[in-house]
C-alpha atoms as a PDB file:
ATOM      1  CA  MET A   1      -0.024  -0.037   0.100  1.00  0.00           C
ATOM      2  CA  VAL A   2       1.149   3.256  -0.993  1.00  0.00           C
ATOM      3  CA  LYS A   3       1.124   6.032   1.678  1.00  0.00           C
ATOM      4  CA  ILE A   4       1.654   9.826   0.944  1.00  0.00           C
ATOM      5  CA  ASP A   5       3.152  11.896   4.187  1.00  0.00           C
ATOM      6  CA  TYR A   6       1.212  15.569   3.475  1.00  0.00           C
ATOM      7  CA  LYS A   7       3.423  17.016   5.942  1.00  0.00           C
ATOM      8  CA  VAL A   8       6.189  16.119   3.903  1.00  0.00           C
ATOM      9  CA  CYS A   9       4.825  16.534   0.519  1.00  0.00           C
ATOM     10  CA  ASN A  10       5.442  20.201  -1.155  1.00  0.00           C
ATOM     11  CA  ARG A  11       2.569  19.168  -4.084  1.00  0.00           C
ATOM     12  CA  CYS A  12       5.664  19.097  -6.217  1.00  0.00           C
ATOM     13  CA  GLU A  13       5.504  23.263  -5.386  1.00  0.00           C
ATOM     14  CA  GLY A  14       2.064  23.645  -7.206  1.00  0.00           C
ATOM     15  CA  ALA A  15       3.058  21.884 -10.798  1.00  0.00           C
ATOM     16  CA  ARG A  16      -0.369  20.505 -12.142  1.00  0.00           C
ATOM     17  CA  GLU A  17       1.243  17.017 -12.383  1.00  0.00           C
ATOM     18  CA  LYS A  18       2.744  15.669  -9.817  1.00  0.00           C
ATOM     19  CA  ARG A  19       5.733  13.984 -10.433  1.00  0.00           C
ATOM     20  CA  CYS A  20       3.989  10.656  -8.804  1.00  0.00           C
ATOM     21  CA  GLN A  21       1.178  10.990 -10.718  1.00  0.00           C
ATOM     22  CA  ARG A  22       3.331  10.956 -13.885  1.00  0.00           C
ATOM     23  CA  ILE A  23       5.452   8.407 -12.971  1.00  0.00           C
ATOM     24  CA  CYS A  24       2.797   5.231 -11.904  1.00  0.00           C
ATOM     25  CA  PRO A  25       2.507   3.150 -14.561  1.00  0.00           C
ATOM     26  CA  GLY A  26      -0.656   2.285 -13.316  1.00  0.00           C
ATOM     27  CA  ASP A  27      -2.424   5.798 -13.449  1.00  0.00           C
ATOM     28  CA  LEU A  28      -3.413   5.326  -9.897  1.00  0.00           C
ATOM     29  CA  ILE A  29      -2.460   8.715  -8.745  1.00  0.00           C
ATOM     30  CA  GLY A  30      -4.565  11.573  -9.358  1.00  0.00           C
ATOM     31  CA  VAL A  31      -4.480  15.031  -7.847  1.00  0.00           C
ATOM     32  CA  ASN A  32      -7.491  16.148  -5.348  1.00  0.00           C
ATOM     33  CA  PRO A  33      -8.869  19.563  -6.663  1.00  0.00           C
ATOM     34  CA  GLU A  34      -9.741  20.991  -3.472  1.00  0.00           C
ATOM     35  CA  ASP A  35      -6.359  20.886  -1.827  1.00  0.00           C
ATOM     36  CA  ASP A  36      -3.825  19.896  -4.954  1.00  0.00           C
ATOM     37  CA  ARG A  37      -2.485  16.904  -2.605  1.00  0.00           C
ATOM     38  CA  PRO A  38      -1.938  13.933  -4.636  1.00  0.00           C
ATOM     39  CA  VAL A  39      -3.754  11.044  -3.430  1.00  0.00           C
ATOM     40  CA  VAL A  40      -3.543   7.392  -4.670  1.00  0.00           C
ATOM     41  CA  LEU A  41      -7.229   6.347  -6.340  1.00  0.00           C
ATOM     42  CA  TYR A  42      -7.105   3.030  -6.776  1.00  0.00           C
ATOM     43  CA  PRO A  43      -4.530   1.344  -3.680  1.00  0.00           C
ATOM     44  CA  GLU A  44      -6.160  -2.174  -4.612  1.00  0.00           C
ATOM     45  CA  ASP A  45      -4.935  -2.349  -7.757  1.00  0.00           C
ATOM     46  CA  CYS A  46      -1.112  -1.009  -6.934  1.00  0.00           C
ATOM     47  CA  TRP A  47       1.215  -3.549  -7.692  1.00  0.00           C
ATOM     48  CA  ALA A  48       4.330  -2.231  -5.716  1.00  0.00           C
ATOM     49  CA  CYS A  49       6.734  -1.216  -8.247  1.00  0.00           C
ATOM     50  CA  THR A  50       7.847   1.680  -5.772  1.00  0.00           C
ATOM     51  CA  ALA A  51       8.612   4.113  -8.821  1.00  0.00           C
ATOM     52  CA  CYS A  52       6.122   6.855  -7.139  1.00  0.00           C
ATOM     53  CA  VAL A  53       8.647   6.087  -3.952  1.00  0.00           C
ATOM     54  CA  LYS A  54      12.130   6.214  -6.071  1.00  0.00           C
ATOM     55  CA  ASP A  55      10.558   9.229  -7.578  1.00  0.00           C
ATOM     56  CA  CYS A  56       9.557  11.733  -5.381  1.00  0.00           C
ATOM     57  CA  PRO A  57      11.866  14.527  -4.503  1.00  0.00           C
ATOM     58  CA  VAL A  58      11.105  15.103  -0.938  1.00  0.00           C
ATOM     59  CA  ALA A  59      10.753  11.263   0.548  1.00  0.00           C
ATOM     60  CA  ALA A  60       6.990  11.727   1.317  1.00  0.00           C
ATOM     61  CA  ILE A  61       5.886   8.470  -0.304  1.00  0.00           C
ATOM     62  CA  THR A  62       6.515   4.930   1.537  1.00  0.00           C
ATOM     63  CA  LEU A  63       5.323   1.405   0.310  1.00  0.00           C
ATOM     64  CA  LYS A  64       4.417  -1.243   2.433  1.00  0.00           C
ATOM     65  CA  LEU A  65       3.460  -4.563   1.397  1.00  0.00           C
ATOM     66  CA  PRO A  66      -0.049  -5.954   1.787  1.00  0.00           C
ATOM     67  CA  PHE A  67       0.038  -8.952   4.278  1.00  0.00           C
ATOM     68  CA  GLN A  68      -0.670 -11.536   1.870  1.00  0.00           C
ATOM     69  CA  VAL A  69       2.956 -11.491   0.945  1.00  0.00           C
ATOM     70  CA  LEU A  70       4.120 -11.515   4.336  1.00  0.00           C
ATOM     71  CA  ASP A  71       3.302 -13.335   7.388  1.00  0.00           C
ATOM     72  CA  LYS A  72       0.568 -11.496   9.440  1.00  0.00           C
ATOM     73  CA  GLY A  73       2.210  -8.757  11.675  1.00  0.00           C
ATOM     74  CA  ALA A  74       5.558  -8.240   9.513  1.00  0.00           C
ATOM     75  CA  SER A  75       5.909  -5.339   7.352  1.00  0.00           C
ATOM     76  CA  LEU A  76       8.041  -4.368   4.744  1.00  0.00           C
ATOM     77  CA  ARG A  77       8.278  -0.602   4.061  1.00  0.00           C
ATOM     78  CA  ALA A  78      10.272   1.150   1.175  1.00  0.00           C
ATOM     79  CA  THR A  79      11.490   4.631   1.420  1.00  0.00           C
ATOM     80  CA  ALA A  80      13.279   7.007  -1.298  1.00  0.00           C
ATOM     81  CA  LYS A  81      15.983   9.627  -1.188  1.00  0.00           C
ATOM     82  CA  GLY A  82      17.834  10.915  -3.816  1.00  0.00           C
ATOM     83  CA  ARG A  83      20.352   7.837  -5.267  1.00  0.00           C
ATOM     84  CA  LYS A  84      19.325   5.794  -2.220  1.00  0.00           C
ATOM     85  CA  THR A  85      16.142   3.298  -1.715  1.00  0.00           C
ATOM     86  CA  SER A  86      15.957   2.000   1.735  1.00  0.00           C
ATOM     87  CA  TRP A  87      14.004  -1.405   2.679  1.00  0.00           C
ATOM     88  CA  VAL A  88      13.001  -1.883   6.270  1.00  0.00           C
ATOM     89  CA  LEU A  89      12.265  -5.243   6.980  1.00  0.00           C
ATOM     90  CA  GLU A  90      10.337  -5.929  10.579  1.00  0.00           C
ATOM     91  CA  GLY A  91       9.402  -9.549  11.301  1.00  0.00           C
ATOM     92  CA  THR A  92       6.831 -11.035  13.595  1.00  0.00           C
ATOM     93  CA  ASP A  93       9.610 -11.671  16.250  1.00  0.00           C
ATOM     94  CA  GLY A  94      10.220  -7.784  15.852  1.00  0.00           C
ATOM     95  CA  LYS A  95      13.391  -7.925  14.614  1.00  0.00           C
ATOM     96  CA  LYS A  96      14.175  -5.419  12.005  1.00  0.00           C
ATOM     97  CA  GLU A  97      16.586  -6.015   9.200  1.00  0.00           C
ATOM     98  CA  GLU A  98      17.680  -2.862   6.997  1.00  0.00           C
ATOM     99  CA  PHE A  99      18.465  -2.945   3.388  1.00  0.00           C
ATOM    100  CA  GLU A 100      19.700  -0.125   0.713  1.00  0.00           C
ATOM    101  CA  ILE A 101      20.151   0.357  -2.818  1.00  0.00           C
ATOM    102  CA  ILE A 102      22.555   3.434  -4.129  1.00  0.00           C
ATOM    103  CA  VAL A 103      22.014   4.281  -7.504  1.00  0.00           C
ATOM    104  CA  ASP A 104      25.233   5.042  -9.264  1.00  0.00           C
ATOM    105  CA  SER A 105      25.523   8.065 -11.380  1.00  0.00           C
ATOM    106  CA  ARG A 106      28.061   7.005 -13.157  1.00  0.00           C
ATOM    107  CA  GLN A 107      26.638   3.703 -14.590  1.00  0.00           C
END
């Protein structure tokens, strides 16, 4: 499930089309006309590709995989900032594991 932190989201500084809206391959993100905030229109159709997480310039979007792919009570969250994407896995036993992927711009 994609979650947008509206305390962090800068609404792409007033851009009509938000970056997360433009990058979503399923066209699942729209804009609320009342407050110009991006919203996930069809969360049940999201296939967790993380494109919006990776493209958000202020790291306002996180992803939590649905319980169907994890043990009940476990979680896997992805966040991205700049060239770094971080994953935090918390097991049902409370143990946490963290993974990072850093994109090398020289490639």
